[in-house]
Amino acid sequence: MRHEAHTGHGHHHTHQHADHGHQGHPEHHHTPAAGWSMAAQATLHCLTGCAIGEVLGMILGTAFGWGNLPTMLLAIALAFFFGYSLTLRGVLRAGVDFRTAFRVALAADTLSIAVMELIDNGVILIWPSAMDAMLSDALFWISLAVSLVIAFLVTTPVNKWTIGRGKGHAVVHQYHH
């Protein structure tokens, strides 16, 4: 993807699992049922943060005139940053101290964001001409949308599995009503 022309080849994954607006209480330590609905919700939160970070990374990489690799690395770093930040915001709203909230965000989101970024960026890398597509090209937006859908479909079962083990989004759930 030609990033100097891609202000938005964002790859997408934001994990803001805790950003549900609930006031949580850490004393409610129960493992939620690992349903598909909860897994899909956790994955959508992840997708949101990742998308914000990736699109911003593409915009910045383009503005700085960077090539594909540094732009993609910046986009991935920002995807993790925004993914963690969205979760952190929700957990902090529950009245948790920053250090604990930061640990919760890392525990809740790391695997989910990593899987989402791997799949999303992998699809773009193997899609013929997607790395050279410009923001004004339909291929740019189509490959981006398809990569996000595939990343969502792969990451949702991962989140279901981690929630069922009391990990991932289940860690955030204990801070919600």
Protein backbone atom coordinates (compact mmCIF):
# COMPACT_ATOMS: atom_id res chain seq x y z
CA MET A 1 0.00 0.00 0.00
CA ARG A 2 1.56 3.23 -1.02
CA HIS A 3 1.36 5.04 2.33
CA GLU A 4 2.44 8.34 0.97
CA ALA A 5 -0.92 8.27 -0.74
CA HIS A 6 -2.81 6.40 1.93
CA THR A 7 -3.82 8.63 4.58
CA GLY A 8 -6.04 5.95 5.91
CA HIS A 9 -5.02 2.42 5.29
CA GLY A 10 -5.96 1.71 8.77
CA HIS A 11 -6.03 -1.73 10.02
CA HIS A 12 -8.31 -1.97 12.67
CA HIS A 13 -8.62 -3.38 15.94
CA THR A 14 -9.58 -1.82 19.03
CA HIS A 15 -10.18 -3.41 22.18
CA GLN A 16 -12.09 -1.26 24.41
CA HIS A 17 -13.77 -4.03 26.23
CA ALA A 18 -14.21 -2.05 29.38
CA ASP A 19 -15.76 0.91 27.66
CA HIS A 20 -19.33 -0.02 28.41
CA GLY A 21 -20.06 2.90 30.70
CA HIS A 22 -20.76 0.69 33.69
CA GLN A 23 -19.53 1.45 37.15
CA GLY A 24 -17.79 -1.75 38.12
CA HIS A 25 -16.71 -3.17 41.38
CA PRO A 26 -13.65 -5.37 41.64
CA GLU A 27 -15.26 -7.45 44.33
CA HIS A 28 -17.58 -8.93 41.67
CA HIS A 29 -15.07 -11.53 40.52
CA HIS A 30 -17.08 -14.00 38.51
CA THR A 31 -16.29 -15.50 35.16
CA PRO A 32 -18.98 -14.56 32.66
CA ALA A 33 -20.48 -17.16 30.41
CA ALA A 34 -18.37 -17.42 27.29
CA GLY A 35 -21.21 -16.68 24.90
CA TRP A 36 -20.81 -15.69 21.27
CA SER A 37 -22.55 -12.38 21.97
CA MET A 38 -20.01 -11.35 24.60
CA ALA A 39 -17.14 -12.52 22.38
CA ALA A 40 -18.50 -10.55 19.43
CA GLN A 41 -18.93 -7.45 21.60
CA ALA A 42 -15.36 -7.77 22.90
CA THR A 43 -14.10 -8.18 19.34
CA LEU A 44 -16.02 -5.14 18.13
CA HIS A 45 -14.46 -3.08 20.91
CA CYS A 46 -11.06 -4.38 19.83
CA LEU A 47 -11.83 -3.60 16.22
CA THR A 48 -12.76 -0.02 17.10
CA GLY A 49 -9.52 0.81 18.88
CA CYS A 50 -7.39 -0.98 16.33
CA ALA A 51 -9.11 0.79 13.46
CA ILE A 52 -8.55 4.19 15.07
CA GLY A 53 -4.87 3.46 15.62
CA GLU A 54 -4.29 1.97 12.22
CA VAL A 55 -6.02 4.72 10.28
CA LEU A 56 -4.17 7.37 12.30
CA GLY A 57 -0.89 5.52 11.69
CA MET A 58 -1.56 5.50 7.96
CA ILE A 59 -2.39 9.21 8.00
CA LEU A 60 0.78 10.06 9.94
CA GLY A 61 2.99 7.77 7.86
CA THR A 62 1.66 9.41 4.73
CA ALA A 63 2.12 12.92 6.16
CA PHE A 64 5.73 12.08 7.12
CA GLY A 65 6.40 10.58 3.68
CA TRP A 66 7.31 7.20 5.18
CA GLY A 67 7.35 3.95 3.22
CA ASN A 68 5.14 0.92 3.74
CA LEU A 69 7.08 -0.82 6.53
CA PRO A 70 7.53 2.11 8.93
CA THR A 71 3.97 3.25 8.28
CA MET A 72 2.59 -0.23 8.96
CA LEU A 73 4.66 -0.53 12.15
CA LEU A 74 3.40 2.86 13.35
CA ALA A 75 -0.18 1.84 12.52
CA ILE A 76 0.19 -1.41 14.49
CA ALA A 77 1.74 0.40 17.47
CA LEU A 78 -1.09 2.92 17.47
CA ALA A 79 -3.65 0.12 17.15
CA PHE A 80 -2.33 -1.37 20.39
CA PHE A 81 -2.19 2.08 22.00
CA PHE A 82 -5.80 2.94 21.16
CA GLY A 83 -7.01 -0.57 21.90
CA TYR A 84 -5.50 -0.45 25.36
CA SER A 85 -6.57 3.18 25.88
CA LEU A 86 -10.23 2.48 25.23
CA THR A 87 -10.23 -0.38 27.73
CA LEU A 88 -8.22 1.66 30.22
CA ARG A 89 -10.74 4.49 30.02
CA GLY A 90 -13.63 2.18 30.88
CA VAL A 91 -11.83 0.48 33.76
CA LEU A 92 -10.70 3.81 35.21
CA ARG A 93 -14.34 4.96 35.10
CA ALA A 94 -15.11 2.05 37.40
CA GLY A 95 -12.95 3.72 40.05
CA VAL A 96 -9.87 1.52 39.70
CA ASP A 97 -6.39 2.98 40.22
CA PHE A 98 -4.29 3.57 37.08
CA ARG A 99 -1.77 0.80 37.71
CA THR A 100 -4.48 -1.82 38.18
CA ALA A 101 -6.47 -0.49 35.22
CA PHE A 102 -3.35 -0.64 33.03
CA ARG A 103 -2.74 -4.26 34.02
CA VAL A 104 -6.38 -5.11 33.31
CA ALA A 105 -6.15 -3.51 29.86
CA LEU A 106 -2.99 -5.49 29.05
CA ALA A 107 -4.54 -8.73 30.26
CA ALA A 108 -7.84 -8.11 28.49
CA ASP A 109 -6.60 -6.94 25.12
CA THR A 110 -3.13 -8.16 24.23
CA LEU A 111 -4.06 -11.47 22.61
CA SER A 112 -7.13 -10.08 20.90
CA ILE A 113 -5.32 -7.06 19.42
CA ALA A 114 -2.36 -9.20 18.38
CA VAL A 115 -4.59 -11.70 16.53
CA MET A 116 -6.59 -8.93 14.93
CA GLU A 117 -3.47 -7.07 13.77
CA LEU A 118 -1.86 -10.24 12.44
CA ILE A 119 -4.93 -11.19 10.40
CA ASP A 120 -5.78 -7.69 9.26
CA ASN A 121 -2.28 -6.78 8.14
CA GLY A 122 -1.68 -10.25 6.74
CA VAL A 123 -4.71 -9.95 4.46
CA ILE A 124 -3.50 -6.58 3.19
CA LEU A 125 0.02 -7.92 2.63
CA ILE A 126 -1.12 -10.91 0.54
CA TRP A 127 -3.91 -9.10 -1.36
CA PRO A 128 -2.52 -8.33 -4.82
CA SER A 129 -1.82 -4.59 -5.22
CA ALA A 130 -3.44 -3.64 -1.87
CA MET A 131 -0.17 -2.29 -0.49
CA ASP A 132 0.10 0.04 -3.50
CA ALA A 133 -3.52 1.20 -3.50
CA MET A 134 -4.15 4.88 -2.89
CA LEU A 135 -6.80 6.42 -0.65
CA SER A 136 -8.67 7.41 -3.78
CA ASP A 137 -8.67 3.80 -5.05
CA ALA A 138 -11.63 1.50 -4.44
CA LEU A 139 -9.10 -1.31 -3.84
CA PHE A 140 -7.78 0.52 -0.80
CA TRP A 141 -11.19 0.67 0.88
CA ILE A 142 -12.35 -2.76 -0.28
CA SER A 143 -9.20 -4.50 0.94
CA LEU A 144 -9.41 -2.59 4.21
CA ALA A 145 -13.06 -3.56 4.77
CA VAL A 146 -12.48 -7.20 3.85
CA SER A 147 -9.38 -7.42 6.05
CA LEU A 148 -11.37 -6.09 9.00
CA VAL A 149 -14.22 -8.53 8.45
CA ILE A 150 -11.79 -11.45 8.26
CA ALA A 151 -9.94 -10.23 11.36
CA PHE A 152 -13.26 -9.97 13.23
CA LEU A 153 -14.27 -13.50 12.17
CA VAL A 154 -10.94 -14.98 13.29
CA THR A 155 -10.64 -12.98 16.51
CA THR A 156 -14.17 -13.59 17.82
CA PRO A 157 -13.59 -17.32 18.55
CA VAL A 158 -10.27 -16.41 20.19
CA ASN A 159 -12.09 -13.97 22.47
CA LYS A 160 -14.80 -16.56 23.20
CA TRP A 161 -12.12 -19.03 24.22
CA THR A 162 -10.27 -16.53 26.46
CA ILE A 163 -13.50 -15.33 28.10
CA GLY A 164 -14.46 -18.95 28.81
CA ARG A 165 -11.13 -19.39 30.60
CA GLY A 166 -11.69 -16.27 32.72
CA LYS A 167 -9.15 -14.31 30.69
CA GLY A 168 -9.35 -11.54 28.08
CA HIS A 169 -12.60 -9.60 28.26
CA ALA A 170 -13.62 -11.63 31.33
CA VAL A 171 -10.96 -9.68 33.26
CA VAL A 172 -12.68 -6.42 32.34
CA HIS A 173 -16.13 -7.82 33.08
CA GLN A 174 -15.38 -8.01 36.81
CA TYR A 175 -15.30 -4.19 36.86
CA HIS A 176 -18.83 -3.92 35.48
CA HIS A 177 -22.16 -4.31 37.22
